[in-house]
Amino acid sequence: MLSERDTEPGENLSGKWAKMSMTRKDFDKTGMGLVAIILGVVGLGWLGVHKFVMGRKKQAIISIVVSVVTCGIGAGIMTIISLVEGIIYLTKTDAEFQNDYVYGSKEWF
């Protein structure tokens, strides 16, 4: 919680909150990449956990629904997508990852 003593002299408290809210959504690309790859390797990539964590609920639910509706056939495809996305996350720079997946609207790959 921010208090008046956390601000610079002459800086208002609302400006400090604005700075905090801008960085609140920063995700670690390594963590997201490893989550996607590990779940893909163990066959659970179809759950879309990395999508849920990044706030991409629609894409995570699509992944689950495709897997269930196709009686598991789609689960294999979604698991491969999870692996590919994990590799892509790890190969991007931090700035590219943030721009594409956190602040941008790139939802798949």
PDB file of N, CA and C in Angstrom:
ATOM      1  N   MET A   1       0.848  -1.168   0.000  1.00  0.00           N
ATOM      2  CA  MET A   1       0.000   0.000   0.000  1.00  0.00           C
ATOM      3  C   MET A   1       0.894   1.232   0.000  1.00  0.00           C
ATOM      4  N   LEU A   2       0.553   2.193  -0.813  1.00  0.00           N
ATOM      5  CA  LEU A   2       1.337   3.419  -0.888  1.00  0.00           C
ATOM      6  C   LEU A   2       0.880   4.418   0.158  1.00  0.00           C
ATOM      7  N   SER A   3       1.815   5.122   0.701  1.00  0.00           N
ATOM      8  CA  SER A   3       1.496   6.193   1.631  1.00  0.00           C
ATOM      9  C   SER A   3       2.191   7.460   1.142  1.00  0.00           C
ATOM     10  N   GLU A   4       1.934   8.550   1.802  1.00  0.00           N
ATOM     11  CA  GLU A   4       2.533   9.818   1.412  1.00  0.00           C
ATOM     12  C   GLU A   4       4.061   9.768   1.474  1.00  0.00           C
ATOM     13  N   ARG A   5       4.620   8.982   2.371  1.00  0.00           N
ATOM     14  CA  ARG A   5       6.077   8.940   2.491  1.00  0.00           C
ATOM     15  C   ARG A   5       6.733   8.188   1.331  1.00  0.00           C
ATOM     16  N   ASP A   6       5.955   7.417   0.531  1.00  0.00           N
ATOM     17  CA  ASP A   6       6.493   6.698  -0.614  1.00  0.00           C
ATOM     18  C   ASP A   6       6.629   7.584  -1.851  1.00  0.00           C
ATOM     19  N   THR A   7       6.171   8.805  -1.762  1.00  0.00           N
ATOM     20  CA  THR A   7       6.222   9.694  -2.916  1.00  0.00           C
ATOM     21  C   THR A   7       7.381  10.657  -2.791  1.00  0.00           C
ATOM     22  N   GLU A   8       7.807  11.149  -3.933  1.00  0.00           N
ATOM     23  CA  GLU A   8       8.854  12.171  -3.972  1.00  0.00           C
ATOM     24  C   GLU A   8       8.249  13.496  -3.499  1.00  0.00           C
ATOM     25  N   PRO A   9       9.072  14.403  -2.975  1.00  0.00           N
ATOM     26  CA  PRO A   9       8.538  15.716  -2.609  1.00  0.00           C
ATOM     27  C   PRO A   9       7.916  16.390  -3.841  1.00  0.00           C
ATOM     28  N   GLY A  10       6.724  16.837  -3.713  1.00  0.00           N
ATOM     29  CA  GLY A  10       6.028  17.493  -4.816  1.00  0.00           C
ATOM     30  C   GLY A  10       5.298  16.521  -5.741  1.00  0.00           C
ATOM     31  N   GLU A  11       5.486  15.216  -5.567  1.00  0.00           N
ATOM     32  CA  GLU A  11       4.812  14.229  -6.407  1.00  0.00           C
ATOM     33  C   GLU A  11       3.517  13.827  -5.725  1.00  0.00           C
ATOM     34  N   ASN A  12       2.435  13.804  -6.488  1.00  0.00           N
ATOM     35  CA  ASN A  12       1.178  13.413  -5.858  1.00  0.00           C
ATOM     36  C   ASN A  12       1.039  11.896  -5.832  1.00  0.00           C
ATOM     37  N   LEU A  13       0.209  11.412  -4.956  1.00  0.00           N
ATOM     38  CA  LEU A  13       0.039   9.982  -4.748  1.00  0.00           C
ATOM     39  C   LEU A  13      -0.573   9.308  -5.976  1.00  0.00           C
ATOM     40  N   SER A  14      -1.469   9.968  -6.678  1.00  0.00           N
ATOM     41  CA  SER A  14      -2.102   9.347  -7.837  1.00  0.00           C
ATOM     42  C   SER A  14      -1.086   9.090  -8.945  1.00  0.00           C
ATOM     43  N   GLY A  15      -0.066   9.920  -9.076  1.00  0.00           N
ATOM     44  CA  GLY A  15       0.976   9.686 -10.073  1.00  0.00           C
ATOM     45  C   GLY A  15       1.755   8.422  -9.776  1.00  0.00           C
ATOM     46  N   LYS A  16       1.989   8.148  -8.506  1.00  0.00           N
ATOM     47  CA  LYS A  16       2.694   6.930  -8.093  1.00  0.00           C
ATOM     48  C   LYS A  16       1.850   5.698  -8.425  1.00  0.00           C
ATOM     49  N   TRP A  17       0.552   5.779  -8.187  1.00  0.00           N
ATOM     50  CA  TRP A  17      -0.333   4.654  -8.518  1.00  0.00           C
ATOM     51  C   TRP A  17      -0.336   4.400 -10.007  1.00  0.00           C
ATOM     52  N   ALA A  18      -0.345   5.446 -10.807  1.00  0.00           N
ATOM     53  CA  ALA A  18      -0.339   5.288 -12.262  1.00  0.00           C
ATOM     54  C   ALA A  18       0.915   4.555 -12.718  1.00  0.00           C
ATOM     55  N   LYS A  19       2.059   4.885 -12.134  1.00  0.00           N
ATOM     56  CA  LYS A  19       3.304   4.193 -12.495  1.00  0.00           C
ATOM     57  C   LYS A  19       3.239   2.720 -12.133  1.00  0.00           C
ATOM     58  N   MET A  20       2.673   2.421 -10.960  1.00  0.00           N
ATOM     59  CA  MET A  20       2.575   1.025 -10.535  1.00  0.00           C
ATOM     60  C   MET A  20       1.640   0.240 -11.438  1.00  0.00           C
ATOM     61  N   SER A  21       0.525   0.813 -11.835  1.00  0.00           N
ATOM     62  CA  SER A  21      -0.435   0.079 -12.651  1.00  0.00           C
ATOM     63  C   SER A  21       0.111  -0.193 -14.047  1.00  0.00           C
ATOM     64  N   MET A  22       1.022   0.639 -14.538  1.00  0.00           N
ATOM     65  CA  MET A  22       1.595   0.404 -15.854  1.00  0.00           C
ATOM     66  C   MET A  22       2.515  -0.808 -15.847  1.00  0.00           C
ATOM     67  N   THR A  23       3.183  -1.084 -14.750  1.00  0.00           N
ATOM     68  CA  THR A  23       4.105  -2.209 -14.692  1.00  0.00           C
ATOM     69  C   THR A  23       3.466  -3.450 -14.087  1.00  0.00           C
ATOM     70  N   ARG A  24       2.248  -3.350 -13.643  1.00  0.00           N
ATOM     71  CA  ARG A  24       1.574  -4.462 -12.985  1.00  0.00           C
ATOM     72  C   ARG A  24       1.455  -5.671 -13.888  1.00  0.00           C
ATOM     73  N   LYS A  25       1.298  -5.472 -15.194  1.00  0.00           N
ATOM     74  CA  LYS A  25       1.066  -6.571 -16.113  1.00  0.00           C
ATOM     75  C   LYS A  25       2.341  -7.136 -16.730  1.00  0.00           C
ATOM     76  N   ASP A  26       3.504  -6.685 -16.296  1.00  0.00           N
ATOM     77  CA  ASP A  26       4.742  -7.213 -16.854  1.00  0.00           C
ATOM     78  C   ASP A  26       4.889  -8.686 -16.489  1.00  0.00           C
ATOM     79  N   PHE A  27       5.047  -9.527 -17.501  1.00  0.00           N
ATOM     80  CA  PHE A  27       5.222 -10.952 -17.285  1.00  0.00           C
ATOM     81  C   PHE A  27       6.633 -11.344 -17.661  1.00  0.00           C
ATOM     82  N   ASP A  28       7.136 -12.331 -16.995  1.00  0.00           N
ATOM     83  CA  ASP A  28       8.455 -12.853 -17.279  1.00  0.00           C
ATOM     84  C   ASP A  28       8.341 -13.828 -18.445  1.00  0.00           C
ATOM     85  N   LYS A  29       8.979 -13.511 -19.560  1.00  0.00           N
ATOM     86  CA  LYS A  29       8.878 -14.367 -20.743  1.00  0.00           C
ATOM     87  C   LYS A  29       9.460 -15.738 -20.489  1.00  0.00           C
ATOM     88  N   THR A  30      10.498 -15.826 -19.673  1.00  0.00           N
ATOM     89  CA  THR A  30      11.107 -17.122 -19.378  1.00  0.00           C
ATOM     90  C   THR A  30      10.129 -18.001 -18.613  1.00  0.00           C
ATOM     91  N   GLY A  31       9.466 -17.420 -17.634  1.00  0.00           N
ATOM     92  CA  GLY A  31       8.484 -18.174 -16.859  1.00  0.00           C
ATOM     93  C   GLY A  31       7.333 -18.654 -17.716  1.00  0.00           C
ATOM     94  N   MET A  32       6.792 -17.776 -18.550  1.00  0.00           N
ATOM     95  CA  MET A  32       5.687 -18.152 -19.420  1.00  0.00           C
ATOM     96  C   MET A  32       6.118 -19.214 -20.429  1.00  0.00           C
ATOM     97  N   GLY A  33       7.322 -19.047 -20.978  1.00  0.00           N
ATOM     98  CA  GLY A  33       7.835 -20.019 -21.942  1.00  0.00           C
ATOM     99  C   GLY A  33       8.020 -21.383 -21.306  1.00  0.00           C
ATOM    100  N   LEU A  34       8.591 -21.415 -20.108  1.00  0.00           N
ATOM    101  CA  LEU A  34       8.810 -22.695 -19.423  1.00  0.00           C
ATOM    102  C   LEU A  34       7.498 -23.363 -19.031  1.00  0.00           C
ATOM    103  N   VAL A  35       6.521 -22.579 -18.592  1.00  0.00           N
ATOM    104  CA  VAL A  35       5.210 -23.151 -18.258  1.00  0.00           C
ATOM    105  C   VAL A  35       4.613 -23.807 -19.498  1.00  0.00           C
ATOM    106  N   ALA A  36       4.636 -23.103 -20.622  1.00  0.00           N
ATOM    107  CA  ALA A  36       4.066 -23.646 -21.855  1.00  0.00           C
ATOM    108  C   ALA A  36       4.808 -24.905 -22.302  1.00  0.00           C
ATOM    109  N   ILE A  37       6.124 -24.891 -22.246  1.00  0.00           N
ATOM    110  CA  ILE A  37       6.913 -26.047 -22.690  1.00  0.00           C
ATOM    111  C   ILE A  37       6.739 -27.236 -21.747  1.00  0.00           C
ATOM    112  N   ILE A  38       6.842 -27.001 -20.449  1.00  0.00           N
ATOM    113  CA  ILE A  38       6.722 -28.112 -19.489  1.00  0.00           C
ATOM    114  C   ILE A  38       5.349 -28.763 -19.589  1.00  0.00           C
ATOM    115  N   LEU A  39       4.294 -27.958 -19.656  1.00  0.00           N
ATOM    116  CA  LEU A  39       2.954 -28.540 -19.787  1.00  0.00           C
ATOM    117  C   LEU A  39       2.802 -29.260 -21.122  1.00  0.00           C
ATOM    118  N   GLY A  40       3.438 -28.728 -22.159  1.00  0.00           N
ATOM    119  CA  GLY A  40       3.404 -29.408 -23.448  1.00  0.00           C
ATOM    120  C   GLY A  40       4.112 -30.745 -23.413  1.00  0.00           C
ATOM    121  N   VAL A  41       5.260 -30.788 -22.751  1.00  0.00           N
ATOM    122  CA  VAL A  41       6.046 -32.020 -22.672  1.00  0.00           C
ATOM    123  C   VAL A  41       5.290 -33.104 -21.894  1.00  0.00           C
ATOM    124  N   VAL A  42       4.611 -32.726 -20.827  1.00  0.00           N
ATOM    125  CA  VAL A  42       3.885 -33.730 -20.041  1.00  0.00           C
ATOM    126  C   VAL A  42       2.480 -33.985 -20.584  1.00  0.00           C
ATOM    127  N   GLY A  43       2.158 -33.370 -21.712  1.00  0.00           N
ATOM    128  CA  GLY A  43       0.878 -33.638 -22.361  1.00  0.00           C
ATOM    129  C   GLY A  43      -0.289 -32.835 -21.834  1.00  0.00           C
ATOM    130  N   LEU A  44      -0.015 -31.770 -21.099  1.00  0.00           N
ATOM    131  CA  LEU A  44      -1.100 -30.950 -20.549  1.00  0.00           C
ATOM    132  C   LEU A  44      -1.170 -29.554 -21.161  1.00  0.00           C
ATOM    133  N   GLY A  45      -0.490 -29.352 -22.273  1.00  0.00           N
ATOM    134  CA  GLY A  45      -0.499 -28.051 -22.928  1.00  0.00           C
ATOM    135  C   GLY A  45      -1.883 -27.627 -23.370  1.00  0.00           C
ATOM    136  N   TRP A  46      -2.754 -28.602 -23.612  1.00  0.00           N
ATOM    137  CA  TRP A  46      -4.109 -28.307 -24.059  1.00  0.00           C
ATOM    138  C   TRP A  46      -4.916 -27.559 -23.008  1.00  0.00           C
ATOM    139  N   LEU A  47      -4.458 -27.564 -21.743  1.00  0.00           N
ATOM    140  CA  LEU A  47      -5.178 -26.840 -20.691  1.00  0.00           C
ATOM    141  C   LEU A  47      -5.045 -25.323 -20.825  1.00  0.00           C
ATOM    142  N   GLY A  48      -4.038 -24.861 -21.562  1.00  0.00           N
ATOM    143  CA  GLY A  48      -3.873 -23.428 -21.791  1.00  0.00           C
ATOM    144  C   GLY A  48      -3.516 -22.632 -20.562  1.00  0.00           C
ATOM    145  N   VAL A  49      -2.814 -23.246 -19.617  1.00  0.00           N
ATOM    146  CA  VAL A  49      -2.478 -22.565 -18.362  1.00  0.00           C
ATOM    147  C   VAL A  49      -1.700 -21.284 -18.628  1.00  0.00           C
ATOM    148  N   HIS A  50      -0.751 -21.333 -19.562  1.00  0.00           N
ATOM    149  CA  HIS A  50       0.036 -20.127 -19.856  1.00  0.00           C
ATOM    150  C   HIS A  50      -0.845 -19.010 -20.391  1.00  0.00           C
ATOM    151  N   LYS A  51      -1.923 -19.349 -21.073  1.00  0.00           N
ATOM    152  CA  LYS A  51      -2.871 -18.335 -21.563  1.00  0.00           C
ATOM    153  C   LYS A  51      -3.664 -17.744 -20.394  1.00  0.00           C
ATOM    154  N   PHE A  52      -4.124 -18.594 -19.475  1.00  0.00           N
ATOM    155  CA  PHE A  52      -4.843 -18.096 -18.299  1.00  0.00           C
ATOM    156  C   PHE A  52      -3.973 -17.151 -17.491  1.00  0.00           C
ATOM    157  N   VAL A  53      -2.718 -17.525 -17.270  1.00  0.00           N
ATOM    158  CA  VAL A  53      -1.815 -16.705 -16.462  1.00  0.00           C
ATOM    159  C   VAL A  53      -1.615 -15.335 -17.089  1.00  0.00           C
ATOM    160  N   MET A  54      -1.534 -15.278 -18.404  1.00  0.00           N
ATOM    161  CA  MET A  54      -1.334 -13.994 -19.087  1.00  0.00           C
ATOM    162  C   MET A  54      -2.629 -13.221 -19.268  1.00  0.00           C
ATOM    163  N   GLY A  55      -3.737 -13.759 -18.786  1.00  0.00           N
ATOM    164  CA  GLY A  55      -5.010 -13.058 -18.880  1.00  0.00           C
ATOM    165  C   GLY A  55      -5.729 -13.273 -20.196  1.00  0.00           C
ATOM    166  N   ARG A  56      -5.295 -14.227 -20.985  1.00  0.00           N
ATOM    167  CA  ARG A  56      -5.931 -14.544 -22.271  1.00  0.00           C
ATOM    168  C   ARG A  56      -6.939 -15.673 -22.055  1.00  0.00           C
ATOM    169  N   LYS A  57      -8.001 -15.357 -21.329  1.00  0.00           N
ATOM    170  CA  LYS A  57      -8.985 -16.375 -20.950  1.00  0.00           C
ATOM    171  C   LYS A  57      -9.694 -16.963 -22.156  1.00  0.00           C
ATOM    172  N   LYS A  58     -10.011 -16.115 -23.126  1.00  0.00           N
ATOM    173  CA  LYS A  58     -10.726 -16.600 -24.304  1.00  0.00           C
ATOM    174  C   LYS A  58      -9.916 -17.671 -25.029  1.00  0.00           C
ATOM    175  N   GLN A  59      -8.624 -17.446 -25.220  1.00  0.00           N
ATOM    176  CA  GLN A  59      -7.785 -18.405 -25.917  1.00  0.00           C
ATOM    177  C   GLN A  59      -7.602 -19.681 -25.094  1.00  0.00           C
ATOM    178  N   ALA A  60      -7.509 -19.547 -23.779  1.00  0.00           N
ATOM    179  CA  ALA A  60      -7.374 -20.721 -22.914  1.00  0.00           C
ATOM    180  C   ALA A  60      -8.634 -21.577 -22.978  1.00  0.00           C
ATOM    181  N   ILE A  61      -9.782 -20.935 -22.948  1.00  0.00           N
ATOM    182  CA  ILE A  61     -11.048 -21.672 -23.017  1.00  0.00           C
ATOM    183  C   ILE A  61     -11.213 -22.318 -24.388  1.00  0.00           C
ATOM    184  N   ILE A  62     -10.804 -21.625 -25.442  1.00  0.00           N
ATOM    185  CA  ILE A  62     -10.846 -22.219 -26.790  1.00  0.00           C
ATOM    186  C   ILE A  62     -10.009 -23.485 -26.820  1.00  0.00           C
ATOM    187  N   SER A  63      -8.827 -23.438 -26.233  1.00  0.00           N
ATOM    188  CA  SER A  63      -7.940 -24.600 -26.194  1.00  0.00           C
ATOM    189  C   SER A  63      -8.605 -25.785 -25.495  1.00  0.00           C
ATOM    190  N   ILE A  64      -9.233 -25.534 -24.382  1.00  0.00           N
ATOM    191  CA  ILE A  64      -9.895 -26.603 -23.631  1.00  0.00           C
ATOM    192  C   ILE A  64     -11.098 -27.144 -24.409  1.00  0.00           C
ATOM    193  N   VAL A  65     -11.920 -26.240 -24.942  1.00  0.00           N
ATOM    194  CA  VAL A  65     -13.122 -26.658 -25.664  1.00  0.00           C
ATOM    195  C   VAL A  65     -12.757 -27.490 -26.902  1.00  0.00           C
ATOM    196  N   VAL A  66     -11.766 -27.040 -27.661  1.00  0.00           N
ATOM    197  CA  VAL A  66     -11.335 -27.797 -28.841  1.00  0.00           C
ATOM    198  C   VAL A  66     -10.889 -29.192 -28.428  1.00  0.00           C
ATOM    199  N   SER A  67     -10.158 -29.280 -27.347  1.00  0.00           N
ATOM    200  CA  SER A  67      -9.660 -30.571 -26.869  1.00  0.00           C
ATOM    201  C   SER A  67     -10.791 -31.501 -26.448  1.00  0.00           C
ATOM    202  N   VAL A  68     -11.786 -30.966 -25.769  1.00  0.00           N
ATOM    203  CA  VAL A  68     -12.897 -31.782 -25.277  1.00  0.00           C
ATOM    204  C   VAL A  68     -13.851 -32.158 -26.415  1.00  0.00           C
ATOM    205  N   VAL A  69     -14.209 -31.192 -27.248  1.00  0.00           N
ATOM    206  CA  VAL A  69     -15.177 -31.430 -28.326  1.00  0.00           C
ATOM    207  C   VAL A  69     -14.655 -32.455 -29.335  1.00  0.00           C
ATOM    208  N   THR A  70     -13.373 -32.473 -29.548  1.00  0.00           N
ATOM    209  CA  THR A  70     -12.798 -33.423 -30.511  1.00  0.00           C
ATOM    210  C   THR A  70     -12.423 -34.747 -29.850  1.00  0.00           C
ATOM    211  N   CYS A  71     -12.906 -34.968 -28.641  1.00  0.00           N
ATOM    212  CA  CYS A  71     -12.653 -36.203 -27.891  1.00  0.00           C
ATOM    213  C   CYS A  71     -11.164 -36.493 -27.737  1.00  0.00           C
ATOM    214  N   GLY A  72     -10.400 -35.461 -27.529  1.00  0.00           N
ATOM    215  CA  GLY A  72      -8.982 -35.620 -27.258  1.00  0.00           C
ATOM    216  C   GLY A  72      -8.068 -35.465 -28.450  1.00  0.00           C
ATOM    217  N   ILE A  73      -8.613 -35.537 -29.659  1.00  0.00           N
ATOM    218  CA  ILE A  73      -7.769 -35.379 -30.849  1.00  0.00           C
ATOM    219  C   ILE A  73      -7.192 -33.969 -30.895  1.00  0.00           C
ATOM    220  N   GLY A  74      -8.013 -32.996 -30.599  1.00  0.00           N
ATOM    221  CA  GLY A  74      -7.558 -31.611 -30.567  1.00  0.00           C
ATOM    222  C   GLY A  74      -6.574 -31.334 -29.446  1.00  0.00           C
ATOM    223  N   ALA A  75      -6.587 -32.176 -28.409  1.00  0.00           N
ATOM    224  CA  ALA A  75      -5.663 -31.988 -27.290  1.00  0.00           C
ATOM    225  C   ALA A  75      -4.227 -32.127 -27.765  1.00  0.00           C
ATOM    226  N   GLY A  76      -3.984 -33.051 -28.662  1.00  0.00           N
ATOM    227  CA  GLY A  76      -2.641 -33.217 -29.214  1.00  0.00           C
ATOM    228  C   GLY A  76      -2.198 -31.986 -29.971  1.00  0.00           C
ATOM    229  N   ILE A  77      -3.106 -31.434 -30.751  1.00  0.00           N
ATOM    230  CA  ILE A  77      -2.803 -30.225 -31.517  1.00  0.00           C
ATOM    231  C   ILE A  77      -2.545 -29.055 -30.575  1.00  0.00           C
ATOM    232  N   MET A  78      -3.391 -28.905 -29.563  1.00  0.00           N
ATOM    233  CA  MET A  78      -3.236 -27.807 -28.616  1.00  0.00           C
ATOM    234  C   MET A  78      -1.958 -27.961 -27.795  1.00  0.00           C
ATOM    235  N   THR A  79      -1.561 -29.190 -27.522  1.00  0.00           N
ATOM    236  CA  THR A  79      -0.310 -29.429 -26.802  1.00  0.00           C
ATOM    237  C   THR A  79       0.882 -29.024 -27.654  1.00  0.00           C
ATOM    238  N   ILE A  80       0.820 -29.342 -28.948  1.00  0.00           N
ATOM    239  CA  ILE A  80       1.892 -28.924 -29.862  1.00  0.00           C
ATOM    240  C   ILE A  80       1.942 -27.399 -29.948  1.00  0.00           C
ATOM    241  N   ILE A  81       0.778 -26.772 -30.012  1.00  0.00           N
ATOM    242  CA  ILE A  81       0.727 -25.304 -30.034  1.00  0.00           C
ATOM    243  C   ILE A  81       1.364 -24.743 -28.763  1.00  0.00           C
ATOM    244  N   SER A  82       1.096 -25.357 -27.623  1.00  0.00           N
ATOM    245  CA  SER A  82       1.696 -24.912 -26.365  1.00  0.00           C
ATOM    246  C   SER A  82       3.218 -25.000 -26.419  1.00  0.00           C
ATOM    247  N   LEU A  83       3.732 -26.097 -26.943  1.00  0.00           N
ATOM    248  CA  LEU A  83       5.185 -26.251 -27.078  1.00  0.00           C
ATOM    249  C   LEU A  83       5.780 -25.179 -27.985  1.00  0.00           C
ATOM    250  N   VAL A  84       5.142 -24.967 -29.127  1.00  0.00           N
ATOM    251  CA  VAL A  84       5.632 -23.966 -30.088  1.00  0.00           C
ATOM    252  C   VAL A  84       5.592 -22.574 -29.468  1.00  0.00           C
ATOM    253  N   GLU A  85       4.490 -22.251 -28.787  1.00  0.00           N
ATOM    254  CA  GLU A  85       4.399 -20.941 -28.151  1.00  0.00           C
ATOM    255  C   GLU A  85       5.468 -20.766 -27.079  1.00  0.00           C
ATOM    256  N   GLY A  86       5.721 -21.797 -26.307  1.00  0.00           N
ATOM    257  CA  GLY A  86       6.767 -21.717 -25.293  1.00  0.00           C
ATOM    258  C   GLY A  86       8.123 -21.429 -25.896  1.00  0.00           C
ATOM    259  N   ILE A  87       8.430 -22.094 -27.002  1.00  0.00           N
ATOM    260  CA  ILE A  87       9.706 -21.857 -27.693  1.00  0.00           C
ATOM    261  C   ILE A  87       9.760 -20.438 -28.249  1.00  0.00           C
ATOM    262  N   ILE A  88       8.655 -19.988 -28.814  1.00  0.00           N
ATOM    263  CA  ILE A  88       8.604 -18.615 -29.342  1.00  0.00           C
ATOM    264  C   ILE A  88       8.806 -17.603 -28.223  1.00  0.00           C
ATOM    265  N   TYR A  89       8.146 -17.816 -27.080  1.00  0.00           N
ATOM    266  CA  TYR A  89       8.311 -16.899 -25.946  1.00  0.00           C
ATOM    267  C   TYR A  89       9.774 -16.799 -25.539  1.00  0.00           C
ATOM    268  N   LEU A  90      10.452 -17.940 -25.489  1.00  0.00           N
ATOM    269  CA  LEU A  90      11.846 -17.953 -25.044  1.00  0.00           C
ATOM    270  C   LEU A  90      12.804 -17.332 -26.048  1.00  0.00           C
ATOM    271  N   THR A  91      12.448 -17.347 -27.332  1.00  0.00           N
ATOM    272  CA  THR A  91      13.353 -16.804 -28.341  1.00  0.00           C
ATOM    273  C   THR A  91      13.168 -15.307 -28.560  1.00  0.00           C
ATOM    274  N   LYS A  92      12.104 -14.743 -28.037  1.00  0.00           N
ATOM    275  CA  LYS A  92      11.890 -13.300 -28.171  1.00  0.00           C
ATOM    276  C   LYS A  92      12.684 -12.540 -27.104  1.00  0.00           C
ATOM    277  N   THR A  93      13.017 -11.305 -27.413  1.00  0.00           N
ATOM    278  CA  THR A  93      13.627 -10.455 -26.389  1.00  0.00           C
ATOM    279  C   THR A  93      12.530 -10.068 -25.391  1.00  0.00           C
ATOM    280  N   ASP A  94      12.937  -9.581 -24.237  1.00  0.00           N
ATOM    281  CA  ASP A  94      11.951  -9.155 -23.244  1.00  0.00           C
ATOM    282  C   ASP A  94      11.023  -8.085 -23.804  1.00  0.00           C
ATOM    283  N   ALA A  95      11.595  -7.130 -24.525  1.00  0.00           N
ATOM    284  CA  ALA A  95      10.791  -6.044 -25.095  1.00  0.00           C
ATOM    285  C   ALA A  95       9.803  -6.578 -26.131  1.00  0.00           C
ATOM    286  N   GLU A  96      10.253  -7.481 -26.993  1.00  0.00           N
ATOM    287  CA  GLU A  96       9.360  -8.054 -28.003  1.00  0.00           C
ATOM    288  C   GLU A  96       8.216  -8.826 -27.339  1.00  0.00           C
ATOM    289  N   PHE A  97       8.547  -9.598 -26.319  1.00  0.00           N
ATOM    290  CA  PHE A  97       7.529 -10.375 -25.614  1.00  0.00           C
ATOM    291  C   PHE A  97       6.485  -9.447 -24.998  1.00  0.00           C
ATOM    292  N   GLN A  98       6.961  -8.417 -24.298  1.00  0.00           N
ATOM    293  CA  GLN A  98       6.039  -7.472 -23.666  1.00  0.00           C
ATOM    294  C   GLN A  98       5.160  -6.774 -24.712  1.00  0.00           C
ATOM    295  N   ASN A  99       5.782  -6.319 -25.808  1.00  0.00           N
ATOM    296  CA  ASN A  99       5.030  -5.616 -26.847  1.00  0.00           C
ATOM    297  C   ASN A  99       4.024  -6.512 -27.547  1.00  0.00           C
ATOM    298  N   ASP A 100       4.403  -7.748 -27.832  1.00  0.00           N
ATOM    299  CA  ASP A 100       3.524  -8.653 -28.577  1.00  0.00           C
ATOM    300  C   ASP A 100       2.420  -9.253 -27.721  1.00  0.00           C
ATOM    301  N   TYR A 101       2.766  -9.765 -26.548  1.00  0.00           N
ATOM    302  CA  TYR A 101       1.829 -10.576 -25.781  1.00  0.00           C
ATOM    303  C   TYR A 101       1.223  -9.898 -24.563  1.00  0.00           C
ATOM    304  N   VAL A 102       1.900  -8.916 -23.999  1.00  0.00           N
ATOM    305  CA  VAL A 102       1.364  -8.267 -22.800  1.00  0.00           C
ATOM    306  C   VAL A 102       0.610  -7.009 -23.187  1.00  0.00           C
ATOM    307  N   TYR A 103       1.276  -6.101 -23.870  1.00  0.00           N
ATOM    308  CA  TYR A 103       0.638  -4.836 -24.241  1.00  0.00           C
ATOM    309  C   TYR A 103       0.022  -4.888 -25.627  1.00  0.00           C
ATOM    310  N   GLY A 104       0.494  -5.774 -26.468  1.00  0.00           N
ATOM    311  CA  GLY A 104      -0.058  -5.928 -27.817  1.00  0.00           C
ATOM    312  C   GLY A 104      -1.246  -6.862 -27.801  1.00  0.00           C
ATOM    313  N   SER A 105      -1.752  -7.138 -28.974  1.00  0.00           N
ATOM    314  CA  SER A 105      -2.945  -7.985 -29.058  1.00  0.00           C
ATOM    315  C   SER A 105      -2.662  -9.329 -29.709  1.00  0.00           C
ATOM    316  N   LYS A 106      -1.406  -9.744 -29.743  1.00  0.00           N
ATOM    317  CA  LYS A 106      -1.064 -11.027 -30.340  1.00  0.00           C
ATOM    318  C   LYS A 106      -1.537 -12.139 -29.405  1.00  0.00           C
ATOM    319  N   GLU A 107      -2.438 -12.982 -29.889  1.00  0.00           N
ATOM    320  CA  GLU A 107      -3.061 -13.979 -29.019  1.00  0.00           C
ATOM    321  C   GLU A 107      -2.524 -15.388 -29.228  1.00  0.00           C
ATOM    322  N   TRP A 108      -2.135 -15.717 -30.437  1.00  0.00           N
ATOM    323  CA  TRP A 108      -1.575 -17.032 -30.746  1.00  0.00           C
ATOM    324  C   TRP A 108      -0.257 -16.842 -31.456  1.00  0.00           C
ATOM    325  N   PHE A 109       0.678 -17.688 -31.148  1.00  0.00           N
ATOM    326  CA  PHE A 109       2.016 -17.670 -31.751  1.00  0.00           C
ATOM    327  C   PHE A 109       2.584 -16.289 -31.691  1.00  0.00           C
TER     328      PHE A 109
END
